[in-house]
Amino acid sequence: MTPKELYHHVDVAKSHLQIGQLEEALTHLELGFERRRPNMVFLGVDPAWDPLRSDPRFKDLLVRLKLPQAEESGDSQRAGAS
């Protein structure tokens, strides 16, 4: 396991997002996707990711993950509920 594999890219992405570093957050989400991190499944419903929902890269990532695309915080909380 390389040093890059010792942390969870999704957690690092969320840290970047919380301090307004959107590009860095997206980069780590892409790495998480490439490395098949299991916690990627929550991107479609976790309201923490709302600041990225309008970004084309984030939308594309949700499509590749086959996850629902919610536009707003309220929608993201209901996206998986039926």
PDB file of N, CA and C in Angstrom:
ATOM      1  N   MET A   1       0.850  -1.180   0.000  1.00  0.00           N
ATOM      2  CA  MET A   1       0.000   0.000   0.000  1.00  0.00           C
ATOM      3  C   MET A   1       0.897   1.245   0.000  1.00  0.00           C
ATOM      4  N   THR A   2       0.631   2.146  -0.913  1.00  0.00           N
ATOM      5  CA  THR A   2       1.424   3.369  -1.005  1.00  0.00           C
ATOM      6  C   THR A   2       0.918   4.401  -0.007  1.00  0.00           C
ATOM      7  N   PRO A   3       1.720   5.413   0.301  1.00  0.00           N
ATOM      8  CA  PRO A   3       1.252   6.463   1.215  1.00  0.00           C
ATOM      9  C   PRO A   3      -0.038   7.121   0.745  1.00  0.00           C
ATOM     10  N   LYS A   4      -0.242   7.217  -0.568  1.00  0.00           N
ATOM     11  CA  LYS A   4      -1.473   7.826  -1.075  1.00  0.00           C
ATOM     12  C   LYS A   4      -2.696   6.973  -0.768  1.00  0.00           C
ATOM     13  N   GLU A   5      -2.504   5.710  -0.486  1.00  0.00           N
ATOM     14  CA  GLU A   5      -3.612   4.814  -0.190  1.00  0.00           C
ATOM     15  C   GLU A   5      -3.966   4.807   1.298  1.00  0.00           C
ATOM     16  N   LEU A   6      -3.216   5.489   2.114  1.00  0.00           N
ATOM     17  CA  LEU A   6      -3.418   5.425   3.554  1.00  0.00           C
ATOM     18  C   LEU A   6      -4.517   6.351   4.068  1.00  0.00           C
ATOM     19  N   TYR A   7      -5.054   7.190   3.217  1.00  0.00           N
ATOM     20  CA  TYR A   7      -6.142   8.058   3.652  1.00  0.00           C
ATOM     21  C   TYR A   7      -7.306   7.914   2.688  1.00  0.00           C
ATOM     22  N   HIS A   8      -8.443   8.329   3.145  1.00  0.00           N
ATOM     23  CA  HIS A   8      -9.646   8.228   2.332  1.00  0.00           C
ATOM     24  C   HIS A   8      -9.838   9.520   1.550  1.00  0.00           C
ATOM     25  N   HIS A   9      -9.818   9.404   0.256  1.00  0.00           N
ATOM     26  CA  HIS A   9      -9.925  10.582  -0.599  1.00  0.00           C
ATOM     27  C   HIS A   9     -11.222  11.349  -0.376  1.00  0.00           C
ATOM     28  N   VAL A  10     -12.287  10.655  -0.036  1.00  0.00           N
ATOM     29  CA  VAL A  10     -13.558  11.337   0.187  1.00  0.00           C
ATOM     30  C   VAL A  10     -13.460  12.226   1.425  1.00  0.00           C
ATOM     31  N   ASP A  11     -12.819  11.746   2.463  1.00  0.00           N
ATOM     32  CA  ASP A  11     -12.650  12.558   3.671  1.00  0.00           C
ATOM     33  C   ASP A  11     -11.776  13.776   3.395  1.00  0.00           C
ATOM     34  N   VAL A  12     -10.725  13.583   2.625  1.00  0.00           N
ATOM     35  CA  VAL A  12      -9.851  14.704   2.266  1.00  0.00           C
ATOM     36  C   VAL A  12     -10.624  15.695   1.406  1.00  0.00           C
ATOM     37  N   ALA A  13     -11.430  15.183   0.484  1.00  0.00           N
ATOM     38  CA  ALA A  13     -12.243  16.057  -0.368  1.00  0.00           C
ATOM     39  C   ALA A  13     -13.191  16.895   0.475  1.00  0.00           C
ATOM     40  N   LYS A  14     -13.811  16.281   1.461  1.00  0.00           N
ATOM     41  CA  LYS A  14     -14.748  17.014   2.317  1.00  0.00           C
ATOM     42  C   LYS A  14     -14.017  18.097   3.110  1.00  0.00           C
ATOM     43  N   SER A  15     -12.813  17.821   3.546  1.00  0.00           N
ATOM     44  CA  SER A  15     -12.021  18.836   4.258  1.00  0.00           C
ATOM     45  C   SER A  15     -11.725  20.025   3.347  1.00  0.00           C
ATOM     46  N   HIS A  16     -11.332  19.744   2.114  1.00  0.00           N
ATOM     47  CA  HIS A  16     -11.090  20.829   1.159  1.00  0.00           C
ATOM     48  C   HIS A  16     -12.366  21.621   0.906  1.00  0.00           C
ATOM     49  N   LEU A  17     -13.472  20.930   0.771  1.00  0.00           N
ATOM     50  CA  LEU A  17     -14.746  21.599   0.520  1.00  0.00           C
ATOM     51  C   LEU A  17     -15.103  22.539   1.666  1.00  0.00           C
ATOM     52  N   GLN A  18     -14.872  22.098   2.888  1.00  0.00           N
ATOM     53  CA  GLN A  18     -15.220  22.902   4.057  1.00  0.00           C
ATOM     54  C   GLN A  18     -14.432  24.197   4.149  1.00  0.00           C
ATOM     55  N   ILE A  19     -13.266  24.254   3.509  1.00  0.00           N
ATOM     56  CA  ILE A  19     -12.492  25.503   3.540  1.00  0.00           C
ATOM     57  C   ILE A  19     -12.528  26.214   2.188  1.00  0.00           C
ATOM     58  N   GLY A  20     -13.480  25.806   1.355  1.00  0.00           N
ATOM     59  CA  GLY A  20     -13.712  26.512   0.107  1.00  0.00           C
ATOM     60  C   GLY A  20     -12.800  26.150  -1.047  1.00  0.00           C
ATOM     61  N   GLN A  21     -12.060  25.079  -0.933  1.00  0.00           N
ATOM     62  CA  GLN A  21     -11.150  24.653  -2.004  1.00  0.00           C
ATOM     63  C   GLN A  21     -11.872  23.624  -2.879  1.00  0.00           C
ATOM     64  N   LEU A  22     -12.737  24.135  -3.765  1.00  0.00           N
ATOM     65  CA  LEU A  22     -13.605  23.273  -4.552  1.00  0.00           C
ATOM     66  C   LEU A  22     -12.840  22.416  -5.554  1.00  0.00           C
ATOM     67  N   GLU A  23     -11.854  22.994  -6.221  1.00  0.00           N
ATOM     68  CA  GLU A  23     -11.080  22.225  -7.202  1.00  0.00           C
ATOM     69  C   GLU A  23     -10.338  21.066  -6.544  1.00  0.00           C
ATOM     70  N   GLU A  24      -9.745  21.335  -5.393  1.00  0.00           N
ATOM     71  CA  GLU A  24      -9.036  20.279  -4.676  1.00  0.00           C
ATOM     72  C   GLU A  24     -10.010  19.192  -4.227  1.00  0.00           C
ATOM     73  N   ALA A  25     -11.197  19.612  -3.787  1.00  0.00           N
ATOM     74  CA  ALA A  25     -12.212  18.642  -3.376  1.00  0.00           C
ATOM     75  C   ALA A  25     -12.585  17.733  -4.543  1.00  0.00           C
ATOM     76  N   LEU A  26     -12.811  18.325  -5.703  1.00  0.00           N
ATOM     77  CA  LEU A  26     -13.167  17.533  -6.884  1.00  0.00           C
ATOM     78  C   LEU A  26     -12.039  16.593  -7.298  1.00  0.00           C
ATOM     79  N   THR A  27     -10.818  17.061  -7.190  1.00  0.00           N
ATOM     80  CA  THR A  27      -9.670  16.215  -7.530  1.00  0.00           C
ATOM     81  C   THR A  27      -9.630  14.977  -6.643  1.00  0.00           C
ATOM     82  N   HIS A  28      -9.857  15.154  -5.352  1.00  0.00           N
ATOM     83  CA  HIS A  28      -9.832  14.009  -4.436  1.00  0.00           C
ATOM     84  C   HIS A  28     -11.040  13.100  -4.631  1.00  0.00           C
ATOM     85  N   LEU A  29     -12.172  13.662  -5.017  1.00  0.00           N
ATOM     86  CA  LEU A  29     -13.312  12.803  -5.330  1.00  0.00           C
ATOM     87  C   LEU A  29     -13.018  11.940  -6.549  1.00  0.00           C
ATOM     88  N   GLU A  30     -12.358  12.529  -7.536  1.00  0.00           N
ATOM     89  CA  GLU A  30     -11.963  11.751  -8.718  1.00  0.00           C
ATOM     90  C   GLU A  30     -11.021  10.609  -8.320  1.00  0.00           C
ATOM     91  N   LEU A  31     -10.076  10.905  -7.440  1.00  0.00           N
ATOM     92  CA  LEU A  31      -9.160   9.861  -6.968  1.00  0.00           C
ATOM     93  C   LEU A  31      -9.909   8.780  -6.189  1.00  0.00           C
ATOM     94  N   GLY A  32     -10.875   9.204  -5.390  1.00  0.00           N
ATOM     95  CA  GLY A  32     -11.692   8.237  -4.666  1.00  0.00           C
ATOM     96  C   GLY A  32     -12.456   7.321  -5.608  1.00  0.00           C
ATOM     97  N   PHE A  33     -12.960   7.899  -6.693  1.00  0.00           N
ATOM     98  CA  PHE A  33     -13.655   7.094  -7.696  1.00  0.00           C
ATOM     99  C   PHE A  33     -12.700   6.099  -8.348  1.00  0.00           C
ATOM    100  N   GLU A  34     -11.535   6.585  -8.751  1.00  0.00           N
ATOM    101  CA  GLU A  34     -10.547   5.722  -9.402  1.00  0.00           C
ATOM    102  C   GLU A  34     -10.121   4.570  -8.504  1.00  0.00           C
ATOM    103  N   ARG A  35     -10.061   4.834  -7.213  1.00  0.00           N
ATOM    104  CA  ARG A  35      -9.609   3.808  -6.264  1.00  0.00           C
ATOM    105  C   ARG A  35     -10.778   3.048  -5.632  1.00  0.00           C
ATOM    106  N   ARG A  36     -11.968   3.298  -6.143  1.00  0.00           N
ATOM    107  CA  ARG A  36     -13.179   2.575  -5.732  1.00  0.00           C
ATOM    108  C   ARG A  36     -13.434   2.631  -4.225  1.00  0.00           C
ATOM    109  N   ARG A  37     -13.337   3.812  -3.672  1.00  0.00           N
ATOM    110  CA  ARG A  37     -13.592   3.981  -2.244  1.00  0.00           C
ATOM    111  C   ARG A  37     -15.074   3.751  -1.950  1.00  0.00           C
ATOM    112  N   PRO A  38     -15.385   2.911  -0.970  1.00  0.00           N
ATOM    113  CA  PRO A  38     -16.786   2.567  -0.712  1.00  0.00           C
ATOM    114  C   PRO A  38     -17.645   3.733  -0.233  1.00  0.00           C
ATOM    115  N   ASN A  39     -17.056   4.726   0.416  1.00  0.00           N
ATOM    116  CA  ASN A  39     -17.876   5.826   0.928  1.00  0.00           C
ATOM    117  C   ASN A  39     -18.292   6.813  -0.158  1.00  0.00           C
ATOM    118  N   MET A  40     -17.948   6.545  -1.409  1.00  0.00           N
ATOM    119  CA  MET A  40     -18.404   7.378  -2.523  1.00  0.00           C
ATOM    120  C   MET A  40     -19.915   7.259  -2.711  1.00  0.00           C
ATOM    121  N   VAL A  41     -20.516   6.181  -2.225  1.00  0.00           N
ATOM    122  CA  VAL A  41     -21.946   5.961  -2.445  1.00  0.00           C
ATOM    123  C   VAL A  41     -22.821   7.021  -1.783  1.00  0.00           C
ATOM    124  N   PHE A  42     -22.277   7.784  -0.863  1.00  0.00           N
ATOM    125  CA  PHE A  42     -23.065   8.792  -0.160  1.00  0.00           C
ATOM    126  C   PHE A  42     -23.065  10.157  -0.843  1.00  0.00           C
ATOM    127  N   LEU A  43     -22.315  10.313  -1.917  1.00  0.00           N
ATOM    128  CA  LEU A  43     -22.234  11.616  -2.583  1.00  0.00           C
ATOM    129  C   LEU A  43     -23.592  12.112  -3.061  1.00  0.00           C
ATOM    130  N   GLY A  44     -24.449  11.213  -3.475  1.00  0.00           N
ATOM    131  CA  GLY A  44     -25.741  11.612  -4.013  1.00  0.00           C
ATOM    132  C   GLY A  44     -26.727  12.105  -2.976  1.00  0.00           C
ATOM    133  N   VAL A  45     -26.529  11.758  -1.714  1.00  0.00           N
ATOM    134  CA  VAL A  45     -27.517  12.105  -0.690  1.00  0.00           C
ATOM    135  C   VAL A  45     -26.981  12.947   0.459  1.00  0.00           C
ATOM    136  N   ASP A  46     -25.696  13.030   0.620  1.00  0.00           N
ATOM    137  CA  ASP A  46     -25.111  13.787   1.734  1.00  0.00           C
ATOM    138  C   ASP A  46     -25.150  15.283   1.415  1.00  0.00           C
ATOM    139  N   PRO A  47     -25.890  16.078   2.209  1.00  0.00           N
ATOM    140  CA  PRO A  47     -25.992  17.512   1.937  1.00  0.00           C
ATOM    141  C   PRO A  47     -24.663  18.261   2.054  1.00  0.00           C
ATOM    142  N   ALA A  48     -23.657  17.640   2.638  1.00  0.00           N
ATOM    143  CA  ALA A  48     -22.347  18.297   2.723  1.00  0.00           C
ATOM    144  C   ALA A  48     -21.796  18.603   1.334  1.00  0.00           C
ATOM    145  N   TRP A  49     -22.216  17.833   0.328  1.00  0.00           N
ATOM    146  CA  TRP A  49     -21.709  18.010  -1.036  1.00  0.00           C
ATOM    147  C   TRP A  49     -22.522  19.009  -1.849  1.00  0.00           C
ATOM    148  N   ASP A  50     -23.532  19.627  -1.258  1.00  0.00           N
ATOM    149  CA  ASP A  50     -24.376  20.581  -1.983  1.00  0.00           C
ATOM    150  C   ASP A  50     -23.599  21.686  -2.701  1.00  0.00           C
ATOM    151  N   PRO A  51     -22.516  22.225  -2.134  1.00  0.00           N
ATOM    152  CA  PRO A  51     -21.788  23.282  -2.863  1.00  0.00           C
ATOM    153  C   PRO A  51     -21.218  22.826  -4.209  1.00  0.00           C
ATOM    154  N   LEU A  52     -21.096  21.528  -4.416  1.00  0.00           N
ATOM    155  CA  LEU A  52     -20.548  21.013  -5.676  1.00  0.00           C
ATOM    156  C   LEU A  52     -21.617  20.538  -6.650  1.00  0.00           C
ATOM    157  N   ARG A  53     -22.868  20.492  -6.236  1.00  0.00           N
ATOM    158  CA  ARG A  53     -23.908  19.875  -7.067  1.00  0.00           C
ATOM    159  C   ARG A  53     -24.074  20.521  -8.433  1.00  0.00           C
ATOM    160  N   SER A  54     -23.801  21.797  -8.566  1.00  0.00           N
ATOM    161  CA  SER A  54     -23.957  22.458  -9.868  1.00  0.00           C
ATOM    162  C   SER A  54     -22.715  22.317 -10.747  1.00  0.00           C
ATOM    163  N   ASP A  55     -21.643  21.784 -10.208  1.00  0.00           N
ATOM    164  CA  ASP A  55     -20.403  21.641 -10.972  1.00  0.00           C
ATOM    165  C   ASP A  55     -20.515  20.458 -11.942  1.00  0.00           C
ATOM    166  N   PRO A  56     -20.191  20.672 -13.215  1.00  0.00           N
ATOM    167  CA  PRO A  56     -20.282  19.586 -14.199  1.00  0.00           C
ATOM    168  C   PRO A  56     -19.436  18.361 -13.847  1.00  0.00           C
ATOM    169  N   ARG A  57     -18.285  18.565 -13.233  1.00  0.00           N
ATOM    170  CA  ARG A  57     -17.440  17.422 -12.850  1.00  0.00           C
ATOM    171  C   ARG A  57     -18.122  16.576 -11.781  1.00  0.00           C
ATOM    172  N   PHE A  58     -18.776  17.241 -10.835  1.00  0.00           N
ATOM    173  CA  PHE A  58     -19.480  16.515  -9.781  1.00  0.00           C
ATOM    174  C   PHE A  58     -20.663  15.758 -10.373  1.00  0.00           C
ATOM    175  N   LYS A  59     -21.417  16.429 -11.257  1.00  0.00           N
ATOM    176  CA  LYS A  59     -22.553  15.769 -11.904  1.00  0.00           C
ATOM    177  C   LYS A  59     -22.091  14.549 -12.689  1.00  0.00           C
ATOM    178  N   ASP A  60     -20.992  14.691 -13.405  1.00  0.00           N
ATOM    179  CA  ASP A  60     -20.451  13.574 -14.171  1.00  0.00           C
ATOM    180  C   ASP A  60     -20.033  12.426 -13.247  1.00  0.00           C
ATOM    181  N   LEU A  61     -19.462  12.776 -12.124  1.00  0.00           N
ATOM    182  CA  LEU A  61     -19.053  11.758 -11.155  1.00  0.00           C
ATOM    183  C   LEU A  61     -20.266  10.982 -10.640  1.00  0.00           C
ATOM    184  N   LEU A  62     -21.359  11.697 -10.348  1.00  0.00           N
ATOM    185  CA  LEU A  62     -22.575  11.020  -9.899  1.00  0.00           C
ATOM    186  C   LEU A  62     -23.108  10.077 -10.974  1.00  0.00           C
ATOM    187  N   VAL A  63     -23.038  10.504 -12.229  1.00  0.00           N
ATOM    188  CA  VAL A  63     -23.485   9.648 -13.331  1.00  0.00           C
ATOM    189  C   VAL A  63     -22.622   8.393 -13.399  1.00  0.00           C
ATOM    190  N   ARG A  64     -21.313   8.569 -13.320  1.00  0.00           N
ATOM    191  CA  ARG A  64     -20.409   7.416 -13.383  1.00  0.00           C
ATOM    192  C   ARG A  64     -20.607   6.467 -12.210  1.00  0.00           C
ATOM    193  N   LEU A  65     -20.998   7.027 -11.066  1.00  0.00           N
ATOM    194  CA  LEU A  65     -21.263   6.202  -9.887  1.00  0.00           C
ATOM    195  C   LEU A  65     -22.674   5.615  -9.898  1.00  0.00           C
ATOM    196  N   LYS A  66     -23.486   6.071 -10.869  1.00  0.00           N
ATOM    197  CA  LYS A  66     -24.889   5.657 -10.977  1.00  0.00           C
ATOM    198  C   LYS A  66     -25.662   6.042  -9.723  1.00  0.00           C
ATOM    199  N   LEU A  67     -25.437   7.286  -9.280  1.00  0.00           N
ATOM    200  CA  LEU A  67     -26.096   7.809  -8.089  1.00  0.00           C
ATOM    201  C   LEU A  67     -27.109   8.874  -8.479  1.00  0.00           C
ATOM    202  N   PRO A  68     -28.136   9.093  -7.631  1.00  0.00           N
ATOM    203  CA  PRO A  68     -29.116  10.141  -7.921  1.00  0.00           C
ATOM    204  C   PRO A  68     -28.466  11.516  -7.874  1.00  0.00           C
ATOM    205  N   GLN A  69     -29.020  12.428  -8.660  1.00  0.00           N
ATOM    206  CA  GLN A  69     -28.509  13.793  -8.675  1.00  0.00           C
ATOM    207  C   GLN A  69     -29.538  14.720  -8.047  1.00  0.00           C
ATOM    208  N   ALA A  70     -29.265  15.187  -6.848  1.00  0.00           N
ATOM    209  CA  ALA A  70     -30.133  16.140  -6.164  1.00  0.00           C
ATOM    210  C   ALA A  70     -29.578  17.532  -6.383  1.00  0.00           C
ATOM    211  N   GLU A  71     -30.462  18.500  -6.582  1.00  0.00           N
ATOM    212  CA  GLU A  71     -30.029  19.866  -6.877  1.00  0.00           C
ATOM    213  C   GLU A  71     -29.863  20.726  -5.633  1.00  0.00           C
ATOM    214  N   GLU A  72     -30.677  20.495  -4.612  1.00  0.00           N
ATOM    215  CA  GLU A  72     -30.632  21.341  -3.428  1.00  0.00           C
ATOM    216  C   GLU A  72     -30.553  20.475  -2.183  1.00  0.00           C
ATOM    217  N   SER A  73     -30.247  21.115  -1.073  1.00  0.00           N
ATOM    218  CA  SER A  73     -30.085  20.394   0.186  1.00  0.00           C
ATOM    219  C   SER A  73     -31.308  19.559   0.527  1.00  0.00           C
ATOM    220  N   GLY A  74     -32.487  20.141   0.436  1.00  0.00           N
ATOM    221  CA  GLY A  74     -33.705  19.402   0.747  1.00  0.00           C
ATOM    222  C   GLY A  74     -33.892  18.220  -0.168  1.00  0.00           C
ATOM    223  N   ASP A  75     -33.580  18.418  -1.455  1.00  0.00           N
ATOM    224  CA  ASP A  75     -33.698  17.329  -2.411  1.00  0.00           C
ATOM    225  C   ASP A  75     -32.676  16.244  -2.129  1.00  0.00           C
ATOM    226  N   SER A  76     -31.478  16.636  -1.733  1.00  0.00           N
ATOM    227  CA  SER A  76     -30.437  15.635  -1.512  1.00  0.00           C
ATOM    228  C   SER A  76     -30.788  14.733  -0.344  1.00  0.00           C
ATOM    229  N   GLN A  77     -31.525  15.258   0.620  1.00  0.00           N
ATOM    230  CA  GLN A  77     -31.905  14.433   1.754  1.00  0.00           C
ATOM    231  C   GLN A  77     -32.987  13.437   1.367  1.00  0.00           C
ATOM    232  N   ARG A  78     -33.753  13.763   0.303  1.00  0.00           N
ATOM    233  CA  ARG A  78     -34.835  12.883  -0.113  1.00  0.00           C
ATOM    234  C   ARG A  78     -34.486  12.060  -1.340  1.00  0.00           C
ATOM    235  N   ALA A  79     -33.341  12.285  -1.942  1.00  0.00           N
ATOM    236  CA  ALA A  79     -33.014  11.677  -3.231  1.00  0.00           C
ATOM    237  C   ALA A  79     -33.132  10.165  -3.219  1.00  0.00           C
ATOM    238  N   GLY A  80     -32.735   9.526  -2.154  1.00  0.00           N
ATOM    239  CA  GLY A  80     -32.772   8.078  -2.111  1.00  0.00           C
ATOM    240  C   GLY A  80     -34.045   7.519  -1.503  1.00  0.00           C
ATOM    241  N   ALA A  81     -34.891   8.368  -0.962  1.00  0.00           N
ATOM    242  CA  ALA A  81     -36.101   7.900  -0.294  1.00  0.00           C
ATOM    243  C   ALA A  81     -37.251   7.798  -1.277  1.00  0.00           C
ATOM    244  N   SER A  82     -37.858   6.640  -1.337  1.00  0.00           N
ATOM    245  CA  SER A  82     -39.051   6.430  -2.157  1.00  0.00           C
ATOM    246  C   SER A  82     -39.968   5.480  -1.445  1.00  0.00           C
TER     247      SER A  82
END
